[in-house]
Amino acid sequence: VEKVPEHWGIITVEVEDGKVDFYTLRLPLINP
């Protein structure tokens, strides 16, 4: 969160129960 601008979306990824799992932490805003 501290490394990208506020208009960038963030997706995290981890392995859960042997599968790659994604979570959208923040949706992107239009790039100014």
All heavy atoms as atom14 arrays in JSON, in Angstrom:
{
  "sequence": "VEKVPEHWGIITVEVEDGKVDFYTLRLPLINP",
  "atom14_mask": [
    [1, 1, 1, 1, 1, 1, 1, 0, 0, 0, 0, 0, 0, 0],
    [1, 1, 1, 1, 1, 1, 1, 1, 1, 0, 0, 0, 0, 0],
    [1, 1, 1, 1, 1, 1, 1, 1, 1, 0, 0, 0, 0, 0],
    [1, 1, 1, 1, 1, 1, 1, 0, 0, 0, 0, 0, 0, 0],
    [1, 1, 1, 1, 1, 1, 1, 0, 0, 0, 0, 0, 0, 0],
    [1, 1, 1, 1, 1, 1, 1, 1, 1, 0, 0, 0, 0, 0],
    [1, 1, 1, 1, 1, 1, 1, 1, 1, 1, 0, 0, 0, 0],
    [1, 1, 1, 1, 1, 1, 1, 1, 1, 1, 1, 1, 1, 1],
    [1, 1, 1, 1, 0, 0, 0, 0, 0, 0, 0, 0, 0, 0],
    [1, 1, 1, 1, 1, 1, 1, 1, 0, 0, 0, 0, 0, 0],
    [1, 1, 1, 1, 1, 1, 1, 1, 0, 0, 0, 0, 0, 0],
    [1, 1, 1, 1, 1, 1, 1, 0, 0, 0, 0, 0, 0, 0],
    [1, 1, 1, 1, 1, 1, 1, 0, 0, 0, 0, 0, 0, 0],
    [1, 1, 1, 1, 1, 1, 1, 1, 1, 0, 0, 0, 0, 0],
    [1, 1, 1, 1, 1, 1, 1, 0, 0, 0, 0, 0, 0, 0],
    [1, 1, 1, 1, 1, 1, 1, 1, 1, 0, 0, 0, 0, 0],
    [1, 1, 1, 1, 1, 1, 1, 1, 0, 0, 0, 0, 0, 0],
    [1, 1, 1, 1, 0, 0, 0, 0, 0, 0, 0, 0, 0, 0],
    [1, 1, 1, 1, 1, 1, 1, 1, 1, 0, 0, 0, 0, 0],
    [1, 1, 1, 1, 1, 1, 1, 0, 0, 0, 0, 0, 0, 0],
    [1, 1, 1, 1, 1, 1, 1, 1, 0, 0, 0, 0, 0, 0],
    [1, 1, 1, 1, 1, 1, 1, 1, 1, 1, 1, 0, 0, 0],
    [1, 1, 1, 1, 1, 1, 1, 1, 1, 1, 1, 1, 0, 0],
    [1, 1, 1, 1, 1, 1, 1, 0, 0, 0, 0, 0, 0, 0],
    [1, 1, 1, 1, 1, 1, 1, 1, 0, 0, 0, 0, 0, 0],
    [1, 1, 1, 1, 1, 1, 1, 1, 1, 1, 1, 0, 0, 0],
    [1, 1, 1, 1, 1, 1, 1, 1, 0, 0, 0, 0, 0, 0],
    [1, 1, 1, 1, 1, 1, 1, 0, 0, 0, 0, 0, 0, 0],
    [1, 1, 1, 1, 1, 1, 1, 1, 0, 0, 0, 0, 0, 0],
    [1, 1, 1, 1, 1, 1, 1, 1, 0, 0, 0, 0, 0, 0],
    [1, 1, 1, 1, 1, 1, 1, 1, 0, 0, 0, 0, 0, 0],
    [1, 1, 1, 1, 1, 1, 1, 0, 0, 0, 0, 0, 0, 0]
  ],
  "atom14_positions": [
    [[0.83, -1.21, 0.0], [0.0, 0.0, 0.0], [0.87, 1.25, 0.0], [0.51, 2.28, -0.61], [-0.96, 0.01, 1.21], [-1.7, 1.33, 1.31], [-1.96, -1.13, 1.1], [0.0, 0.0, 0.0], [0.0, 0.0, 0.0], [0.0, 0.0, 0.0], [0.0, 0.0, 0.0], [0.0, 0.0, 0.0], [0.0, 0.0, 0.0], [0.0, 0.0, 0.0]],
    [[2.01, 1.19, 0.65], [2.9, 2.34, 0.74], [3.78, 2.49, -0.51], [4.44, 3.52, -0.67], [3.81, 2.2, 1.97], [3.04, 2.09, 3.28], [3.96, 1.74, 4.44], [5.16, 1.52, 4.19], [3.48, 1.7, 5.58], [0.0, 0.0, 0.0], [0.0, 0.0, 0.0], [0.0, 0.0, 0.0], [0.0, 0.0, 0.0], [0.0, 0.0, 0.0]],
    [[3.76, 1.49, -1.37], [4.69, 1.48, -2.51], [4.08, 1.93, -3.82], [4.81, 2.22, -4.78], [5.27, 0.07, -2.69], [6.06, -0.44, -1.48], [7.32, 0.39, -1.27], [8.17, -0.16, -0.13], [9.41, 0.61, 0.07], [0.0, 0.0, 0.0], [0.0, 0.0, 0.0], [0.0, 0.0, 0.0], [0.0, 0.0, 0.0], [0.0, 0.0, 0.0]],
    [[2.74, 1.95, -3.92], [2.1, 2.33, -5.18], [1.16, 3.52, -4.95], [0.66, 3.72, -3.84], [1.32, 1.15, -5.79], [2.26, 0.03, -6.2], [0.24, 0.63, -4.84], [0.0, 0.0, 0.0], [0.0, 0.0, 0.0], [0.0, 0.0, 0.0], [0.0, 0.0, 0.0], [0.0, 0.0, 0.0], [0.0, 0.0, 0.0], [0.0, 0.0, 0.0]],
    [[0.9, 4.31, -6.01], [-0.02, 5.44, -5.87], [-1.43, 4.99, -5.5], [-1.81, 3.83, -5.69], [-0.01, 6.07, -7.28], [1.26, 5.6, -7.9], [1.5, 4.22, -7.35], [0.0, 0.0, 0.0], [0.0, 0.0, 0.0], [0.0, 0.0, 0.0], [0.0, 0.0, 0.0], [0.0, 0.0, 0.0], [0.0, 0.0, 0.0], [0.0, 0.0, 0.0]],
    [[-2.23, 5.93, -4.98], [-3.58, 5.61, -4.52], [-4.49, 5.14, -5.63], [-5.48, 4.44, -5.37], [-4.19, 6.83, -3.82], [-3.51, 7.19, -2.51], [-4.19, 8.35, -1.81], [-5.14, 8.92, -2.39], [-3.78, 8.69, -0.69], [0.0, 0.0, 0.0], [0.0, 0.0, 0.0], [0.0, 0.0, 0.0], [0.0, 0.0, 0.0], [0.0, 0.0, 0.0]],
    [[-4.2, 5.52, -6.87], [-5.09, 5.11, -7.97], [-4.77, 3.7, -8.48], [-5.49, 3.18, -9.34], [-5.05, 6.11, -9.13], [-3.69, 6.28, -9.75], [-2.76, 7.17, -9.27], [-3.11, 5.68, -10.83], [-1.67, 7.13, -10.02], [-1.85, 6.22, -10.97], [0.0, 0.0, 0.0], [0.0, 0.0, 0.0], [0.0, 0.0, 0.0], [0.0, 0.0, 0.0]],
    [[-3.73, 3.08, -7.97], [-3.41, 1.71, -8.38], [-4.25, 0.71, -7.59], [-4.43, 0.84, -6.38], [-1.94, 1.42, -8.13], [-1.02, 1.85, -9.24], [-0.93, 3.1, -9.78], [-0.09, 1.03, -9.95], [0.0, 3.12, -10.78], [0.54, 1.88, -10.9], [0.29, -0.3, -9.86], [1.52, 1.39, -11.77], [1.27, -0.78, -10.72], [1.87, 0.06, -11.67]],
    [[-4.73, -0.33, -8.28], [-5.38, -1.43, -7.61], [-4.36, -2.4, -7.05], [-3.22, -2.45, -7.54], [0.0, 0.0, 0.0], [0.0, 0.0, 0.0], [0.0, 0.0, 0.0], [0.0, 0.0, 0.0], [0.0, 0.0, 0.0], [0.0, 0.0, 0.0], [0.0, 0.0, 0.0], [0.0, 0.0, 0.0], [0.0, 0.0, 0.0], [0.0, 0.0, 0.0]],
    [[-4.76, -3.17, -6.05], [-3.86, -4.13, -5.41], [-4.54, -5.48, -5.3], [-5.67, -5.59, -4.8], [-3.46, -3.65, -4.0], [-2.73, -2.3, -4.07], [-2.58, -4.68, -3.31], [-2.49, -1.67, -2.7], [0.0, 0.0, 0.0], [0.0, 0.0, 0.0], [0.0, 0.0, 0.0], [0.0, 0.0, 0.0], [0.0, 0.0, 0.0], [0.0, 0.0, 0.0]],
    [[-3.87, -6.51, -5.78], [-4.33, -7.9, -5.65], [-3.26, -8.67, -4.9], [-2.08, -8.61, -5.27], [-4.59, -8.54, -7.02], [-5.73, -7.82, -7.75], [-4.95, -10.02, -6.86], [-5.97, -8.33, -9.17], [0.0, 0.0, 0.0], [0.0, 0.0, 0.0], [0.0, 0.0, 0.0], [0.0, 0.0, 0.0], [0.0, 0.0, 0.0], [0.0, 0.0, 0.0]],
    [[-3.65, -9.38, -3.86], [-2.7, -10.21, -3.13], [-2.9, -11.67, -3.53], [-4.0, -12.08, -3.92], [-2.87, -10.07, -1.6], [-4.2, -10.47, -1.23], [-2.65, -8.63, -1.18], [0.0, 0.0, 0.0], [0.0, 0.0, 0.0], [0.0, 0.0, 0.0], [0.0, 0.0, 0.0], [0.0, 0.0, 0.0], [0.0, 0.0, 0.0], [0.0, 0.0, 0.0]],
    [[-1.83, -12.44, -3.42], [-1.89, -13.85, -3.83], [-1.13, -14.7, -2.81], [-0.07, -14.32, -2.32], [-1.31, -14.04, -5.26], [0.09, -13.45, -5.37], [-1.29, -15.5, -5.65], [0.0, 0.0, 0.0], [0.0, 0.0, 0.0], [0.0, 0.0, 0.0], [0.0, 0.0, 0.0], [0.0, 0.0, 0.0], [0.0, 0.0, 0.0], [0.0, 0.0, 0.0]],
    [[-1.7, -15.83, -2.48], [-1.08, -16.78, -1.56], [-1.56, -18.18, -1.89], [-2.51, -18.37, -2.66], [-1.42, -16.43, -0.12], [-2.91, -16.49, 0.19], [-3.22, -16.06, 1.62], [-2.27, -15.84, 2.38], [-4.41, -15.98, 1.95], [0.0, 0.0, 0.0], [0.0, 0.0, 0.0], [0.0, 0.0, 0.0], [0.0, 0.0, 0.0], [0.0, 0.0, 0.0]],
    [[-0.91, -19.16, -1.31], [-1.33, -20.55, -1.49], [-2.19, -20.95, -0.3], [-1.79, -20.82, 0.86], [-0.12, -21.49, -1.6], [-0.59, -22.95, -1.68], [0.72, -21.15, -2.82], [0.0, 0.0, 0.0], [0.0, 0.0, 0.0], [0.0, 0.0, 0.0], [0.0, 0.0, 0.0], [0.0, 0.0, 0.0], [0.0, 0.0, 0.0], [0.0, 0.0, 0.0]],
    [[-3.39, -21.43, -0.6], [-4.31, -21.87, 0.45], [-4.88, -23.23, 0.06], [-5.44, -23.4, -1.02], [-5.45, -20.85, 0.61], [-6.36, -21.15, 1.79], [-7.33, -20.02, 2.06], [-6.94, -18.85, 1.97], [-8.5, -20.33, 2.37], [0.0, 0.0, 0.0], [0.0, 0.0, 0.0], [0.0, 0.0, 0.0], [0.0, 0.0, 0.0], [0.0, 0.0, 0.0]],
    [[-4.7, -24.19, 0.95], [-5.15, -25.57, 0.68], [-4.58, -26.1, -0.63], [-5.26, -26.79, -1.41], [-6.68, -25.65, 0.64], [-7.31, -25.28, 1.97], [-6.68, -25.57, 3.02], [-8.41, -24.71, 1.97], [0.0, 0.0, 0.0], [0.0, 0.0, 0.0], [0.0, 0.0, 0.0], [0.0, 0.0, 0.0], [0.0, 0.0, 0.0], [0.0, 0.0, 0.0]],
    [[-3.34, -25.76, -0.89], [-2.66, -26.26, -2.08], [-3.01, -25.53, -3.37], [-2.51, -25.9, -4.43], [0.0, 0.0, 0.0], [0.0, 0.0, 0.0], [0.0, 0.0, 0.0], [0.0, 0.0, 0.0], [0.0, 0.0, 0.0], [0.0, 0.0, 0.0], [0.0, 0.0, 0.0], [0.0, 0.0, 0.0], [0.0, 0.0, 0.0], [0.0, 0.0, 0.0]],
    [[-3.85, -24.49, -3.3], [-4.25, -23.76, -4.49], [-3.84, -22.29, -4.38], [-3.79, -21.73, -3.3], [-5.77, -23.85, -4.69], [-6.27, -25.26, -4.97], [-7.77, -25.26, -5.21], [-8.29, -26.66, -5.51], [-9.77, -26.66, -5.74], [0.0, 0.0, 0.0], [0.0, 0.0, 0.0], [0.0, 0.0, 0.0], [0.0, 0.0, 0.0], [0.0, 0.0, 0.0]],
    [[-3.56, -21.69, -5.53], [-3.22, -20.27, -5.57], [-4.5, -19.47, -5.4], [-5.47, -19.64, -6.15], [-2.52, -19.9, -6.9], [-2.19, -18.41, -6.92], [-1.25, -20.73, -7.08], [0.0, 0.0, 0.0], [0.0, 0.0, 0.0], [0.0, 0.0, 0.0], [0.0, 0.0, 0.0], [0.0, 0.0, 0.0], [0.0, 0.0, 0.0], [0.0, 0.0, 0.0]],
    [[-4.51, -18.6, -4.4], [-5.72, -17.86, -4.05], [-5.46, -16.35, -4.15], [-4.43, -15.87, -3.69], [-6.16, -18.22, -2.62], [-7.49, -17.6, -2.27], [-8.47, -17.84, -3.0], [-7.55, -16.87, -1.26], [0.0, 0.0, 0.0], [0.0, 0.0, 0.0], [0.0, 0.0, 0.0], [0.0, 0.0, 0.0], [0.0, 0.0, 0.0], [0.0, 0.0, 0.0]],
    [[-6.4, -15.63, -4.74], [-6.26, -14.19, -4.95], [-7.3, -13.42, -4.15], [-8.41, -13.89, -3.92], [-6.43, -13.83, -6.43], [-5.37, -14.43, -7.31], [-5.55, -15.67, -7.91], [-4.18, -13.75, -7.57], [-4.59, -16.22, -8.72], [-3.2, -14.3, -8.38], [-3.41, -15.54, -8.96], [0.0, 0.0, 0.0], [0.0, 0.0, 0.0], [0.0, 0.0, 0.0]],
    [[-6.92, -12.21, -3.76], [-7.85, -11.33, -3.06], [-7.62, -9.9, -3.54], [-6.47, -9.41, -3.53], [-7.64, -11.39, -1.54], [-8.46, -10.39, -0.78], [-9.84, -10.54, -0.64], [-7.86, -9.27, -0.19], [-10.6, -9.61, 0.05], [-8.61, -8.34, 0.51], [-9.98, -8.52, 0.62], [-10.74, -7.61, 1.31], [0.0, 0.0, 0.0], [0.0, 0.0, 0.0]],
    [[-8.68, -9.24, -3.99], [-8.56, -7.85, -4.44], [-8.63, -6.94, -3.23], [-9.7, -6.7, -2.66], [-9.67, -7.49, -5.44], [-9.57, -8.34, -6.6], [-9.52, -6.04, -5.9], [0.0, 0.0, 0.0], [0.0, 0.0, 0.0], [0.0, 0.0, 0.0], [0.0, 0.0, 0.0], [0.0, 0.0, 0.0], [0.0, 0.0, 0.0], [0.0, 0.0, 0.0]],
    [[-7.48, -6.46, -2.84], [-7.39, -5.57, -1.68], [-7.91, -4.18, -2.01], [-8.53, -3.51, -1.17], [-5.93, -5.48, -1.22], [-5.63, -4.62, 0.01], [-6.3, -5.21, 1.25], [-4.12, -4.52, 0.21], [0.0, 0.0, 0.0], [0.0, 0.0, 0.0], [0.0, 0.0, 0.0], [0.0, 0.0, 0.0], [0.0, 0.0, 0.0], [0.0, 0.0, 0.0]],
    [[-7.68, -3.74, -3.24], [-8.12, -2.4, -3.64], [-8.33, -2.36, -5.15], [-7.48, -2.81, -5.91], [-7.06, -1.37, -3.23], [-7.48, 0.06, -3.44], [-6.46, 0.99, -2.8], [-5.25, 1.16, -3.6], [-4.14, 1.74, -3.16], [-4.07, 2.19, -1.91], [-3.07, 1.87, -3.94], [0.0, 0.0, 0.0], [0.0, 0.0, 0.0], [0.0, 0.0, 0.0]],
    [[-9.48, -1.86, -5.58], [-9.75, -1.69, -7.0], [-9.04, -0.44, -7.52], [-8.85, 0.54, -6.79], [-11.25, -1.56, -7.26], [-12.08, -2.83, -7.09], [-13.57, -2.5, -7.14], [-11.72, -3.85, -8.17], [0.0, 0.0, 0.0], [0.0, 0.0, 0.0], [0.0, 0.0, 0.0], [0.0, 0.0, 0.0], [0.0, 0.0, 0.0], [0.0, 0.0, 0.0]],
    [[-8.63, -0.46, -8.79], [-7.94, 0.71, -9.33], [-8.91, 1.85, -9.64], [-10.08, 1.62, -9.97], [-7.29, 0.18, -10.6], [-8.22, -0.91, -11.05], [-8.73, -1.54, -9.79], [0.0, 0.0, 0.0], [0.0, 0.0, 0.0], [0.0, 0.0, 0.0], [0.0, 0.0, 0.0], [0.0, 0.0, 0.0], [0.0, 0.0, 0.0], [0.0, 0.0, 0.0]],
    [[-8.4, 3.07, -9.56], [-9.13, 4.24, -10.01], [-8.57, 4.66, -11.36], [-7.47, 4.25, -11.74], [-8.97, 5.38, -9.0], [-9.44, 5.1, -7.57], [-9.11, 6.29, -6.66], [-10.93, 4.8, -7.54], [0.0, 0.0, 0.0], [0.0, 0.0, 0.0], [0.0, 0.0, 0.0], [0.0, 0.0, 0.0], [0.0, 0.0, 0.0], [0.0, 0.0, 0.0]],
    [[-9.33, 5.47, -12.1], [-8.83, 5.93, -13.4], [-7.48, 6.6, -13.22], [-7.28, 7.4, -12.3], [-9.85, 6.88, -14.07], [-9.42, 7.23, -15.49], [-10.11, 8.1, -13.24], [-9.51, 6.09, -16.46], [0.0, 0.0, 0.0], [0.0, 0.0, 0.0], [0.0, 0.0, 0.0], [0.0, 0.0, 0.0], [0.0, 0.0, 0.0], [0.0, 0.0, 0.0]],
    [[-6.56, 6.27, -14.08], [-5.19, 6.79, -14.0], [-5.16, 8.24, -14.49], [-5.44, 8.5, -15.67], [-4.28, 5.9, -14.86], [-2.89, 6.44, -15.0], [-2.44, 7.28, -14.24], [-2.19, 5.94, -16.01], [0.0, 0.0, 0.0], [0.0, 0.0, 0.0], [0.0, 0.0, 0.0], [0.0, 0.0, 0.0], [0.0, 0.0, 0.0], [0.0, 0.0, 0.0]],
    [[-4.81, 9.19, -13.64], [-4.8, 10.59, -14.06], [-3.61, 10.97, -14.93], [-3.56, 12.07, -15.49], [-4.74, 11.35, -12.72], [-4.01, 10.43, -11.81], [-4.43, 9.04, -12.22], [0.0, 0.0, 0.0], [0.0, 0.0, 0.0], [0.0, 0.0, 0.0], [0.0, 0.0, 0.0], [0.0, 0.0, 0.0], [0.0, 0.0, 0.0], [0.0, 0.0, 0.0]]
  ]
}
